[in-house]
Amino acid sequence: MGFRGAKAGSYVLIAVNTITILVGILVCVAGVLGILNQGKINEYSGGYDLELVCYGILITGVIIIIVGAFGWFAGFNGSILVGKVYVILIIIIAVLQLVFFVVEFLKKDEITSEIEGYMNKTMNGTAYDDLTTAEQDVINLIQTQLECCGLENGEDTWGSALPASCCAIGDNSTSTDACTTDNAYSEGCRDAASDFASNAIQFSVFILIGGFVLEFICVFECDMLDDLF
C-alpha cells in the first residue's frame, strides 16, 4: 500500500478509536446513572432487579474505553506492540460478539415470552385509576411509545374509561373522556411489545454485522502500520 496508504490507515485508527472512546464514556455514564437510580428503575421494570445489568453496562463502557485507547495510541504513536495488543483485543471482542449473536438467536423465543409475561403482569386487569402513580407512568410510557392500548385491546383491559395514552391526543397523565375506543390505538400492547422485541433483535444483528466490518477495517489498518513505522 505504501507510505501514503499506511499514513491514511493511521488516521483511520485515530478517528475510529476517538469515536470508540466517546461511545465508551457515554456507556459508562448510562451505567452509572442506572446504578444511582436503581429505586426508580425497579419501579418502572415491574419489580425486576436490574442492578447487575447496570453494572454490566458500566463494565462494558470501561472495556470499550480501554480498547479504544489501545487503538488510538497505536494509530497516533505507531507502536507495533500496542497495535498487536489492539488486534488481539479486537479478535476477542469479535468472538464475544459471535457468541452473543448465537445466544440471542437461541433465546429469541424466550425473550419474547418474558416480554409477554411482563405485559400480562403490568396490565393485570386493574382499573387504570386504581393503579399507583408509578404503575400509571409505566402504562403511559408503554402505550405512548408503542402506540398501543391495553393488553389485547383497550376496551377489554380498561373498559370505557381509557387512559389518554391510548390515543395520539390529550394529556397522558390522567384518564380522559377525550380518548375513546373510536380514536384509541387499535393494536394491543402485548403484540406490539413482541413485535418491538423482534425488530430490536433484528436491528442488533445489523449492528453486529457493522461491528464486524469496522473491526476488520481496524485490524487491516493495524497491519498497515508496519509499512509506516
Protein backbone atom coordinates (compact mmCIF):
# COMPACT_ATOMS: atom_id res chain seq x y z
CA MET A 1 0.00 0.00 0.00
CA GLY A 2 2.99 2.27 0.53
CA PHE A 3 3.67 5.13 2.88
CA ARG A 4 0.59 7.19 1.99
CA GLY A 5 -1.75 4.24 2.45
CA ALA A 6 -0.17 3.40 5.78
CA LYS A 7 -0.40 7.02 6.91
CA ALA A 8 -4.06 7.10 5.97
CA GLY A 9 -4.52 3.89 7.95
CA SER A 10 -3.02 5.60 10.98
CA TYR A 11 -5.53 8.45 10.64
CA VAL A 12 -8.37 5.95 10.31
CA LEU A 13 -7.32 4.26 13.55
CA ILE A 14 -7.18 7.59 15.37
CA ALA A 15 -10.59 8.71 14.05
CA VAL A 16 -12.37 5.40 14.67
CA ASN A 17 -10.99 4.96 18.16
CA THR A 18 -11.65 8.55 19.16
CA ILE A 19 -15.31 7.84 18.43
CA THR A 20 -14.96 4.50 20.24
CA ILE A 21 -13.66 6.22 23.38
CA LEU A 22 -16.51 8.75 23.31
CA VAL A 23 -19.05 5.94 22.94
CA GLY A 24 -17.41 4.14 25.87
CA ILE A 25 -17.73 7.25 28.02
CA LEU A 26 -21.43 7.56 27.16
CA VAL A 27 -21.99 3.88 28.01
CA CYS A 28 -20.22 4.37 31.36
CA VAL A 29 -22.39 7.40 32.12
CA ALA A 30 -25.51 5.34 31.33
CA GLY A 31 -24.31 2.57 33.65
CA VAL A 32 -23.54 5.00 36.49
CA LEU A 33 -26.91 6.74 36.13
CA GLY A 34 -28.61 3.35 36.20
CA ILE A 35 -26.79 2.36 39.39
CA LEU A 36 -27.60 5.67 41.08
CA ASN A 37 -31.29 5.44 40.15
CA GLN A 38 -31.94 1.79 40.97
CA GLY A 39 -35.02 2.51 43.05
CA LYS A 40 -36.84 4.31 40.26
CA ILE A 41 -35.71 1.79 37.64
CA ASN A 42 -37.06 -1.09 39.73
CA GLU A 43 -40.44 0.65 39.91
CA TYR A 44 -40.61 1.03 36.14
CA SER A 45 -39.36 -2.51 35.50
CA GLY A 46 -42.21 -4.08 37.42
CA GLY A 47 -40.00 -5.14 40.32
CA TYR A 48 -37.23 -6.74 38.28
CA ASP A 49 -33.81 -6.12 39.83
CA LEU A 50 -31.67 -4.61 37.07
CA GLU A 51 -28.68 -3.64 39.23
CA LEU A 52 -26.45 -6.30 37.68
CA VAL A 53 -27.46 -5.11 34.23
CA CYS A 54 -26.40 -1.57 35.12
CA TYR A 55 -23.04 -2.81 36.42
CA GLY A 56 -22.69 -4.82 33.22
CA ILE A 57 -23.27 -1.66 31.19
CA LEU A 58 -20.66 0.18 33.24
CA ILE A 59 -18.09 -2.60 32.78
CA THR A 60 -18.84 -2.72 29.06
CA GLY A 61 -18.19 1.02 28.83
CA VAL A 62 -14.85 0.64 30.60
CA ILE A 63 -13.83 -2.16 28.21
CA ILE A 64 -14.81 -0.03 25.20
CA ILE A 65 -12.68 2.85 26.50
CA ILE A 66 -9.68 0.57 27.10
CA VAL A 67 -9.88 -0.99 23.63
CA GLY A 68 -10.35 2.45 22.06
CA ALA A 69 -7.34 3.80 23.96
CA PHE A 70 -5.13 0.98 22.65
CA GLY A 71 -6.31 1.60 19.09
CA TRP A 72 -5.90 5.36 19.38
CA PHE A 73 -2.37 5.03 20.77
CA ALA A 74 -1.44 2.52 18.06
CA GLY A 75 -2.60 4.94 15.37
CA PHE A 76 -1.01 8.01 16.98
CA ASN A 77 2.31 6.53 18.08
CA GLY A 78 2.65 3.72 15.57
CA SER A 79 3.67 1.24 18.26
CA ILE A 80 3.69 -2.21 16.69
CA LEU A 81 3.43 -3.86 20.12
CA VAL A 82 0.39 -1.80 21.10
CA GLY A 83 -1.07 -2.46 17.66
CA LYS A 84 -0.71 -6.22 18.18
CA VAL A 85 -2.38 -6.00 21.59
CA TYR A 86 -5.16 -3.98 19.98
CA VAL A 87 -5.63 -6.60 17.27
CA ILE A 88 -5.84 -9.36 19.92
CA LEU A 89 -8.48 -7.37 21.83
CA ILE A 90 -10.46 -6.80 18.62
CA ILE A 91 -10.37 -10.53 17.85
CA ILE A 92 -11.58 -11.35 21.38
CA ILE A 93 -14.42 -8.83 21.03
CA ALA A 94 -15.36 -10.28 17.64
CA VAL A 95 -15.56 -13.77 19.17
CA LEU A 96 -17.70 -12.44 22.04
CA GLN A 97 -19.98 -10.73 19.53
CA LEU A 98 -20.39 -14.02 17.68
CA VAL A 99 -21.25 -15.78 20.96
CA PHE A 100 -23.74 -13.04 21.81
CA PHE A 101 -25.35 -13.40 18.39
CA VAL A 102 -25.74 -17.17 18.79
CA VAL A 103 -27.17 -16.85 22.34
CA GLU A 104 -29.54 -14.08 21.27
CA PHE A 105 -30.78 -16.18 18.33
CA LEU A 106 -31.29 -19.25 20.51
CA LYS A 107 -33.12 -17.27 23.21
CA LYS A 108 -35.30 -15.24 20.85
CA ASP A 109 -38.47 -17.14 21.78
CA GLU A 110 -37.60 -16.98 25.48
CA ILE A 111 -37.10 -13.22 25.28
CA THR A 112 -40.46 -12.80 23.56
CA SER A 113 -42.11 -14.98 26.21
CA GLU A 114 -40.57 -12.89 29.01
CA ILE A 115 -41.90 -9.71 27.44
CA GLU A 116 -45.38 -11.18 27.09
CA GLY A 117 -45.25 -12.25 30.73
CA TYR A 118 -44.22 -8.74 31.78
CA MET A 119 -47.10 -7.25 29.80
CA ASN A 120 -49.56 -9.70 31.40
CA LYS A 121 -48.25 -8.72 34.83
CA THR A 122 -48.29 -4.97 34.13
CA MET A 123 -51.78 -4.89 32.58
CA ASN A 124 -53.43 -7.25 35.03
CA GLY A 125 -57.00 -6.03 34.69
CA THR A 126 -56.82 -3.40 37.45
CA ALA A 127 -58.69 -0.22 36.51
CA TYR A 128 -56.32 2.49 35.34
CA ASP A 129 -57.38 5.00 38.01
CA ASP A 130 -56.80 2.36 40.73
CA LEU A 131 -53.14 1.90 39.72
CA THR A 132 -50.32 3.60 41.59
CA THR A 133 -48.65 6.63 40.03
CA ALA A 134 -45.57 4.55 39.15
CA GLU A 135 -47.75 1.89 37.51
CA GLN A 136 -49.62 4.54 35.54
CA ASP A 137 -46.31 6.01 34.38
CA VAL A 138 -45.22 2.59 33.12
CA ILE A 139 -48.53 2.05 31.31
CA ASN A 140 -48.41 5.51 29.74
CA LEU A 141 -44.83 5.03 28.62
CA ILE A 142 -45.58 1.67 27.01
CA GLN A 143 -48.78 2.78 25.29
CA THR A 144 -47.32 6.06 24.06
CA GLN A 145 -44.05 4.67 22.74
CA LEU A 146 -45.54 1.52 21.17
CA GLU A 147 -48.76 3.25 20.07
CA CYS A 148 -50.92 0.53 21.57
CA CYS A 149 -53.79 0.28 24.04
CA GLY A 150 -54.42 -2.33 26.70
CA LEU A 151 -53.18 -5.89 26.74
CA GLU A 152 -55.11 -7.14 23.71
CA ASN A 153 -57.24 -4.05 23.19
CA GLY A 154 -58.22 -1.01 25.22
CA GLU A 155 -61.82 -1.86 25.98
CA ASP A 156 -61.11 -5.34 27.37
CA THR A 157 -58.32 -4.02 29.60
CA TRP A 158 -59.52 -0.58 30.69
CA GLY A 159 -63.24 -0.66 29.97
CA SER A 160 -64.81 2.53 28.66
CA ALA A 161 -62.55 4.87 30.70
CA LEU A 162 -59.43 4.72 28.55
CA PRO A 163 -56.24 6.48 29.69
CA ALA A 164 -55.21 9.34 27.42
CA SER A 165 -52.04 7.47 26.46
CA CYS A 166 -54.28 5.08 24.46
CA CYS A 167 -54.74 7.88 21.94
CA ALA A 168 -52.47 10.17 20.00
CA ILE A 169 -54.14 13.18 21.66
CA GLY A 170 -54.56 14.52 25.15
CA ASP A 171 -52.64 14.59 28.42
CA ASN A 172 -51.14 11.15 29.07
CA SER A 173 -51.09 11.50 32.85
CA THR A 174 -54.81 11.02 33.58
CA SER A 175 -57.92 9.28 32.31
CA THR A 176 -59.95 11.43 29.96
CA ASP A 177 -63.20 11.11 28.05
CA ALA A 178 -61.43 12.62 25.03
CA CYS A 179 -59.84 9.22 24.40
CA THR A 180 -62.43 6.66 23.38
CA THR A 181 -62.49 3.28 21.68
CA ASP A 182 -63.24 5.12 18.43
CA ASN A 183 -59.94 7.01 18.34
CA ALA A 184 -57.76 4.76 20.51
CA TYR A 185 -54.84 2.74 19.16
CA SER A 186 -56.24 -0.49 17.75
CA GLU A 187 -53.25 -2.73 18.47
CA GLY A 188 -52.86 -4.42 21.85
CA CYS A 189 -49.64 -3.79 23.77
CA ARG A 190 -48.72 -7.47 24.12
CA ASP A 191 -48.48 -7.92 20.36
CA ALA A 192 -46.87 -4.51 19.93
CA ALA A 193 -44.21 -5.30 22.54
CA SER A 194 -43.48 -8.70 20.96
CA ASP A 195 -43.09 -7.07 17.53
CA PHE A 196 -40.83 -4.41 19.04
CA ALA A 197 -38.63 -7.08 20.64
CA SER A 198 -38.34 -8.99 17.35
CA ASN A 199 -37.39 -5.81 15.49
CA ALA A 200 -34.85 -4.93 18.19
CA ILE A 201 -33.22 -8.35 17.83
CA GLN A 202 -33.05 -7.93 14.05
CA PHE A 203 -31.58 -4.44 14.48
CA SER A 204 -28.93 -5.80 16.86
CA VAL A 205 -27.91 -8.29 14.16
CA PHE A 206 -27.25 -5.40 11.76
CA ILE A 207 -25.27 -3.64 14.49
CA LEU A 208 -23.15 -6.77 15.00
CA ILE A 209 -22.52 -7.06 11.25
CA GLY A 210 -21.46 -3.41 11.17
CA GLY A 211 -19.20 -4.07 14.14
CA PHE A 212 -17.55 -6.99 12.35
CA VAL A 213 -16.87 -4.81 9.30
CA LEU A 214 -15.43 -2.00 11.42
CA GLU A 215 -13.28 -4.44 13.37
CA PHE A 216 -11.93 -5.91 10.13
CA ILE A 217 -11.01 -2.42 8.93
CA CYS A 218 -9.21 -1.66 12.19
CA VAL A 219 -7.26 -4.93 12.07
CA PHE A 220 -6.33 -4.23 8.45
CA GLU A 221 -5.17 -0.70 9.28
CA CYS A 222 -3.08 -2.01 12.18
CA ASP A 223 -1.37 -4.38 9.77
CA MET A 224 -0.51 -1.39 7.61
CA LEU A 225 1.41 0.24 10.47
CA ASP A 226 4.37 -1.98 9.59
CA ASP A 227 4.66 -0.04 6.33
CA LEU A 228 4.67 3.29 8.14
CA PHE A 229 6.99 2.66 11.11
